[in-house]
Every structure is written in C-alpha cells, then in structure tokens.
Amino acid sequence: MSSQSLLRKQVASEIKKRRLIFFTVIVLSLVYFVISFTFGDAGLLRYRELRQKKSQLATEIQSLEAQNALLRSELKLLKETPFYLEKYAREDFGMAKPDEFIFKYDQ
C-alpha cells in the first residue's frame, strides 16, 4: 500500500471519529435538556404541580371571600338593627332581660 492510501484511511477514520463524537455530544445534550425540561425545578412536572396549587388556592380564596361577605353582612346587621343584636345576645350568649327566665333544653 502506498502512503497516500494509508493517509486517506487515517483521515477517513479521523473524520468518522469526529462525527461520532459530535453526534454523541448532540444526543447527550438533547437527553439532558429533555430530562431537565421535564423533571427540573422549572420543569414540566413542577409547572403542573404549581398550576394545580394555584387552582386550589383560587377555590379557597372564593370560599373565604364568600365567608367574609357573610360576616360583613352579619356585622352590619349587628351595628344597625337592635332587634338582631338582641336576638344574637339571647341565642348565642344566653342573655336575658331583667325579670325574664331562660329555659334551656338538651337535645
């Protein structure tokens, strides 16, 4: 064999090695990015978890806002309506007017 033929084989072998190394690096990089995108701190699974948590918190906020509106209306009634204030004092605290008896029944 001639030295040129041997040189061509060595060059072809080097080119194949470089291509193999290049494609290996590309494939490993893609695998890393896919795994990172799926399982990382800012990955797809974390995003789904946070979106579910946001939905739960929104539901809880709506519930608390409804409860808050109910308490505000009750507070308004207590401030503005003497009848309601008297009813609340009698039912919740067992208060009575002078010379009035309270009968409690066990249920």
N, C-alpha and C. Protein backbone atom coordinates (compact mmCIF):
# COMPACT_ATOMS: atom_id res chain seq x y z
N MET A 1 0.83 -1.17 0.00
CA MET A 1 0.00 0.00 0.00
C MET A 1 0.87 1.24 0.00
N SER A 2 0.30 2.20 -0.62
CA SER A 2 1.08 3.43 -0.69
C SER A 2 0.80 4.28 0.54
N SER A 3 1.65 5.21 0.75
CA SER A 3 1.49 6.08 1.92
C SER A 3 0.29 6.99 1.76
N GLN A 4 -0.06 7.34 0.52
CA GLN A 4 -1.24 8.18 0.31
C GLN A 4 -2.51 7.42 0.65
N SER A 5 -2.58 6.19 0.31
CA SER A 5 -3.73 5.36 0.62
C SER A 5 -3.87 5.20 2.13
N LEU A 6 -2.76 4.98 2.79
CA LEU A 6 -2.77 4.86 4.25
C LEU A 6 -3.17 6.17 4.89
N LEU A 7 -2.70 7.27 4.35
CA LEU A 7 -3.05 8.60 4.86
C LEU A 7 -4.53 8.87 4.68
N ARG A 8 -5.09 8.47 3.53
CA ARG A 8 -6.52 8.68 3.27
C ARG A 8 -7.36 7.85 4.27
N LYS A 9 -6.93 6.64 4.54
CA LYS A 9 -7.65 5.81 5.51
C LYS A 9 -7.60 6.44 6.90
N GLN A 10 -6.45 6.98 7.28
CA GLN A 10 -6.33 7.62 8.59
C GLN A 10 -7.21 8.87 8.67
N VAL A 11 -7.23 9.65 7.59
CA VAL A 11 -8.07 10.86 7.55
C VAL A 11 -9.54 10.47 7.62
N ALA A 12 -9.94 9.45 6.87
CA ALA A 12 -11.33 8.99 6.90
C ALA A 12 -11.69 8.48 8.29
N SER A 13 -10.77 7.75 8.91
CA SER A 13 -11.01 7.26 10.26
C SER A 13 -11.15 8.42 11.25
N GLU A 14 -10.33 9.43 11.12
CA GLU A 14 -10.41 10.62 12.00
C GLU A 14 -11.74 11.35 11.79
N ILE A 15 -12.16 11.47 10.55
CA ILE A 15 -13.44 12.14 10.26
C ILE A 15 -14.59 11.36 10.88
N LYS A 16 -14.57 10.03 10.77
CA LYS A 16 -15.61 9.20 11.38
C LYS A 16 -15.63 9.36 12.90
N LYS A 17 -14.44 9.40 13.51
CA LYS A 17 -14.36 9.59 14.96
C LYS A 17 -14.92 10.93 15.37
N ARG A 18 -14.58 11.98 14.63
CA ARG A 18 -15.09 13.33 14.95
C ARG A 18 -16.61 13.39 14.81
N ARG A 19 -17.13 12.78 13.74
CA ARG A 19 -18.58 12.76 13.56
C ARG A 19 -19.27 12.00 14.70
N LEU A 20 -18.68 10.87 15.06
CA LEU A 20 -19.23 10.09 16.16
C LEU A 20 -19.22 10.89 17.46
N ILE A 21 -18.14 11.57 17.75
CA ILE A 21 -18.04 12.39 18.96
C ILE A 21 -19.06 13.54 18.89
N PHE A 22 -19.16 14.18 17.74
CA PHE A 22 -20.10 15.29 17.57
C PHE A 22 -21.54 14.83 17.80
N PHE A 23 -21.94 13.74 17.15
CA PHE A 23 -23.31 13.24 17.32
C PHE A 23 -23.56 12.73 18.73
N THR A 24 -22.57 12.16 19.37
CA THR A 24 -22.71 11.72 20.75
C THR A 24 -22.94 12.91 21.67
N VAL A 25 -22.19 13.98 21.46
CA VAL A 25 -22.37 15.19 22.27
C VAL A 25 -23.75 15.79 22.03
N ILE A 26 -24.19 15.82 20.78
CA ILE A 26 -25.52 16.36 20.47
C ILE A 26 -26.61 15.52 21.12
N VAL A 27 -26.52 14.21 21.02
CA VAL A 27 -27.54 13.33 21.60
C VAL A 27 -27.55 13.45 23.12
N LEU A 28 -26.39 13.47 23.74
CA LEU A 28 -26.33 13.63 25.20
C LEU A 28 -26.89 14.98 25.64
N SER A 29 -26.61 16.03 24.87
CA SER A 29 -27.15 17.35 25.18
C SER A 29 -28.67 17.35 25.09
N LEU A 30 -29.21 16.74 24.05
CA LEU A 30 -30.66 16.67 23.90
C LEU A 30 -31.29 15.88 25.04
N VAL A 31 -30.67 14.77 25.42
CA VAL A 31 -31.19 13.97 26.53
C VAL A 31 -31.18 14.79 27.82
N TYR A 32 -30.10 15.52 28.05
CA TYR A 32 -30.01 16.37 29.25
C TYR A 32 -31.11 17.43 29.24
N PHE A 33 -31.32 18.10 28.11
CA PHE A 33 -32.33 19.15 28.05
C PHE A 33 -33.74 18.59 28.21
N VAL A 34 -34.00 17.43 27.66
CA VAL A 34 -35.32 16.83 27.81
C VAL A 34 -35.57 16.45 29.27
N ILE A 35 -34.59 15.85 29.90
CA ILE A 35 -34.74 15.48 31.31
C ILE A 35 -34.88 16.73 32.18
N SER A 36 -34.08 17.73 31.90
CA SER A 36 -34.14 18.97 32.67
C SER A 36 -35.49 19.66 32.47
N PHE A 37 -35.97 19.67 31.25
CA PHE A 37 -37.24 20.32 30.95
C PHE A 37 -38.40 19.59 31.61
N THR A 38 -38.28 18.29 31.75
CA THR A 38 -39.36 17.51 32.33
C THR A 38 -39.31 17.47 33.85
N PHE A 39 -38.13 17.23 34.42
CA PHE A 39 -38.03 16.96 35.85
C PHE A 39 -37.34 18.05 36.65
N GLY A 40 -36.85 19.11 36.05
CA GLY A 40 -36.09 20.12 36.76
C GLY A 40 -36.97 21.00 37.64
N ASP A 41 -36.32 21.96 38.34
CA ASP A 41 -37.04 22.88 39.23
C ASP A 41 -38.06 23.73 38.47
N ALA A 42 -37.76 24.06 37.25
CA ALA A 42 -38.69 24.83 36.43
C ALA A 42 -39.22 23.94 35.31
N GLY A 43 -39.32 22.66 35.58
CA GLY A 43 -39.72 21.70 34.56
C GLY A 43 -41.22 21.56 34.42
N LEU A 44 -41.59 20.70 33.53
CA LEU A 44 -42.99 20.49 33.20
C LEU A 44 -43.78 19.92 34.38
N LEU A 45 -43.21 18.99 35.12
CA LEU A 45 -43.92 18.42 36.27
C LEU A 45 -44.13 19.46 37.36
N ARG A 46 -43.15 20.27 37.60
CA ARG A 46 -43.27 21.35 38.60
C ARG A 46 -44.32 22.36 38.17
N TYR A 47 -44.36 22.65 36.87
CA TYR A 47 -45.36 23.58 36.35
C TYR A 47 -46.77 23.06 36.57
N ARG A 48 -46.98 21.78 36.30
CA ARG A 48 -48.30 21.19 36.51
C ARG A 48 -48.68 21.21 37.99
N GLU A 49 -47.73 20.93 38.85
CA GLU A 49 -47.98 20.95 40.29
C GLU A 49 -48.35 22.36 40.75
N LEU A 50 -47.64 23.35 40.28
CA LEU A 50 -47.93 24.73 40.66
C LEU A 50 -49.27 25.21 40.10
N ARG A 51 -49.61 24.76 38.90
CA ARG A 51 -50.89 25.15 38.33
C ARG A 51 -52.04 24.54 39.13
N GLN A 52 -51.89 23.31 39.59
CA GLN A 52 -52.91 22.67 40.43
C GLN A 52 -53.03 23.41 41.77
N LYS A 53 -51.90 23.78 42.35
CA LYS A 53 -51.89 24.52 43.62
C LYS A 53 -52.58 25.87 43.45
N LYS A 54 -52.34 26.52 42.31
CA LYS A 54 -52.99 27.81 42.03
C LYS A 54 -54.50 27.65 41.97
N SER A 55 -54.96 26.58 41.34
CA SER A 55 -56.39 26.32 41.25
C SER A 55 -56.99 26.08 42.64
N GLN A 56 -56.30 25.32 43.48
CA GLN A 56 -56.78 25.08 44.84
C GLN A 56 -56.84 26.38 45.63
N LEU A 57 -55.82 27.21 45.49
CA LEU A 57 -55.81 28.48 46.21
C LEU A 57 -56.90 29.42 45.72
N ALA A 58 -57.18 29.41 44.43
CA ALA A 58 -58.26 30.25 43.89
C ALA A 58 -59.61 29.81 44.47
N THR A 59 -59.81 28.50 44.58
CA THR A 59 -61.05 27.99 45.17
C THR A 59 -61.15 28.39 46.64
N GLU A 60 -60.04 28.28 47.34
CA GLU A 60 -60.03 28.66 48.76
C GLU A 60 -60.29 30.15 48.92
N ILE A 61 -59.75 30.97 48.04
CA ILE A 61 -59.97 32.42 48.09
C ILE A 61 -61.44 32.73 47.88
N GLN A 62 -62.07 32.07 46.91
CA GLN A 62 -63.50 32.30 46.68
C GLN A 62 -64.33 31.93 47.90
N SER A 63 -63.97 30.82 48.52
CA SER A 63 -64.69 30.38 49.71
C SER A 63 -64.53 31.40 50.85
N LEU A 64 -63.31 31.86 51.03
CA LEU A 64 -63.05 32.84 52.09
C LEU A 64 -63.72 34.18 51.80
N GLU A 65 -63.78 34.57 50.53
CA GLU A 65 -64.46 35.82 50.19
C GLU A 65 -65.96 35.72 50.46
N ALA A 66 -66.55 34.56 50.17
CA ALA A 66 -67.97 34.36 50.47
C ALA A 66 -68.22 34.40 51.97
N GLN A 67 -67.34 33.75 52.71
CA GLN A 67 -67.46 33.76 54.18
C GLN A 67 -67.27 35.18 54.71
N ASN A 68 -66.35 35.92 54.14
CA ASN A 68 -66.09 37.30 54.54
C ASN A 68 -67.31 38.18 54.26
N ALA A 69 -67.95 37.99 53.11
CA ALA A 69 -69.15 38.76 52.79
C ALA A 69 -70.27 38.45 53.78
N LEU A 70 -70.41 37.19 54.14
CA LEU A 70 -71.43 36.79 55.12
C LEU A 70 -71.17 37.45 56.48
N LEU A 71 -69.91 37.44 56.91
CA LEU A 71 -69.57 38.07 58.18
C LEU A 71 -69.77 39.59 58.15
N ARG A 72 -69.46 40.19 57.01
CA ARG A 72 -69.69 41.64 56.88
C ARG A 72 -71.17 41.98 56.97
N SER A 73 -72.01 41.18 56.33
CA SER A 73 -73.45 41.45 56.39
C SER A 73 -73.97 41.23 57.82
N GLU A 74 -73.46 40.21 58.51
CA GLU A 74 -73.86 39.98 59.89
C GLU A 74 -73.40 41.13 60.79
N LEU A 75 -72.21 41.61 60.56
CA LEU A 75 -71.69 42.75 61.33
C LEU A 75 -72.53 43.99 61.09
N LYS A 76 -72.91 44.21 59.84
CA LYS A 76 -73.75 45.35 59.52
C LYS A 76 -75.10 45.25 60.22
N LEU A 77 -75.68 44.05 60.23
CA LEU A 77 -76.95 43.85 60.94
C LEU A 77 -76.79 44.09 62.44
N LEU A 78 -75.69 43.63 63.01
CA LEU A 78 -75.46 43.83 64.44
C LEU A 78 -75.33 45.31 64.77
N LYS A 79 -74.70 46.07 63.89
CA LYS A 79 -74.49 47.50 64.14
C LYS A 79 -75.77 48.31 63.94
N GLU A 80 -76.58 47.92 62.97
CA GLU A 80 -77.70 48.76 62.55
C GLU A 80 -79.06 48.31 63.07
N THR A 81 -79.22 47.06 63.43
CA THR A 81 -80.54 46.54 63.81
C THR A 81 -80.53 46.10 65.27
N PRO A 82 -81.23 46.84 66.13
CA PRO A 82 -81.28 46.46 67.54
C PRO A 82 -81.95 45.10 67.77
N PHE A 83 -82.97 44.79 66.97
CA PHE A 83 -83.65 43.50 67.12
C PHE A 83 -82.67 42.35 66.88
N TYR A 84 -81.86 42.44 65.85
CA TYR A 84 -80.89 41.40 65.53
C TYR A 84 -79.83 41.29 66.63
N LEU A 85 -79.40 42.42 67.16
CA LEU A 85 -78.42 42.43 68.24
C LEU A 85 -78.99 41.73 69.47
N GLU A 86 -80.23 42.02 69.79
CA GLU A 86 -80.88 41.38 70.94
C GLU A 86 -81.04 39.87 70.70
N LYS A 87 -81.43 39.49 69.49
CA LYS A 87 -81.59 38.07 69.14
C LYS A 87 -80.25 37.35 69.25
N TYR A 88 -79.20 37.97 68.77
CA TYR A 88 -77.86 37.37 68.82
C TYR A 88 -77.42 37.20 70.28
N ALA A 89 -77.64 38.21 71.10
CA ALA A 89 -77.24 38.13 72.51
C ALA A 89 -78.02 37.04 73.24
N ARG A 90 -79.28 36.90 72.92
CA ARG A 90 -80.11 35.89 73.59
C ARG A 90 -79.71 34.47 73.15
N GLU A 91 -79.55 34.27 71.86
CA GLU A 91 -79.30 32.91 71.36
C GLU A 91 -77.87 32.44 71.60
N ASP A 92 -76.92 33.30 71.35
CA ASP A 92 -75.52 32.86 71.42
C ASP A 92 -74.92 32.99 72.82
N PHE A 93 -75.37 33.95 73.59
CA PHE A 93 -74.76 34.17 74.90
C PHE A 93 -75.70 33.87 76.06
N GLY A 94 -76.95 33.53 75.76
CA GLY A 94 -77.89 33.16 76.82
C GLY A 94 -78.26 34.34 77.70
N MET A 95 -78.21 35.51 77.17
CA MET A 95 -78.55 36.70 77.97
C MET A 95 -80.06 36.87 78.02
N ALA A 96 -80.52 37.60 79.04
CA ALA A 96 -81.96 37.82 79.20
C ALA A 96 -82.18 39.22 79.75
N LYS A 97 -83.38 39.69 79.57
CA LYS A 97 -83.77 40.99 80.14
C LYS A 97 -84.02 40.79 81.63
N PRO A 98 -84.03 41.86 82.38
CA PRO A 98 -84.35 41.72 83.81
C PRO A 98 -85.76 41.12 83.99
N ASP A 99 -85.90 40.31 84.99
CA ASP A 99 -87.16 39.63 85.31
C ASP A 99 -87.61 38.68 84.18
N GLU A 100 -86.68 38.12 83.48
CA GLU A 100 -87.01 37.19 82.40
C GLU A 100 -86.29 35.88 82.68
N PHE A 101 -86.96 34.76 82.43
CA PHE A 101 -86.38 33.45 82.68
C PHE A 101 -85.97 32.81 81.37
N ILE A 102 -84.89 32.03 81.43
CA ILE A 102 -84.41 31.33 80.25
C ILE A 102 -84.53 29.82 80.51
N PHE A 103 -85.15 29.15 79.60
CA PHE A 103 -85.29 27.71 79.69
C PHE A 103 -84.42 27.08 78.61
N LYS A 104 -83.52 26.18 79.00
CA LYS A 104 -82.67 25.51 78.03
C LYS A 104 -83.00 24.04 78.04
N TYR A 105 -83.10 23.47 76.85
CA TYR A 105 -83.43 22.06 76.70
C TYR A 105 -82.24 21.34 76.07
N ASP A 106 -81.93 20.19 76.60
CA ASP A 106 -80.87 19.38 75.99
C ASP A 106 -81.44 18.64 74.80
N GLN A 107 -80.68 18.61 73.76
CA GLN A 107 -81.17 17.96 72.55
C GLN A 107 -80.49 16.66 72.33
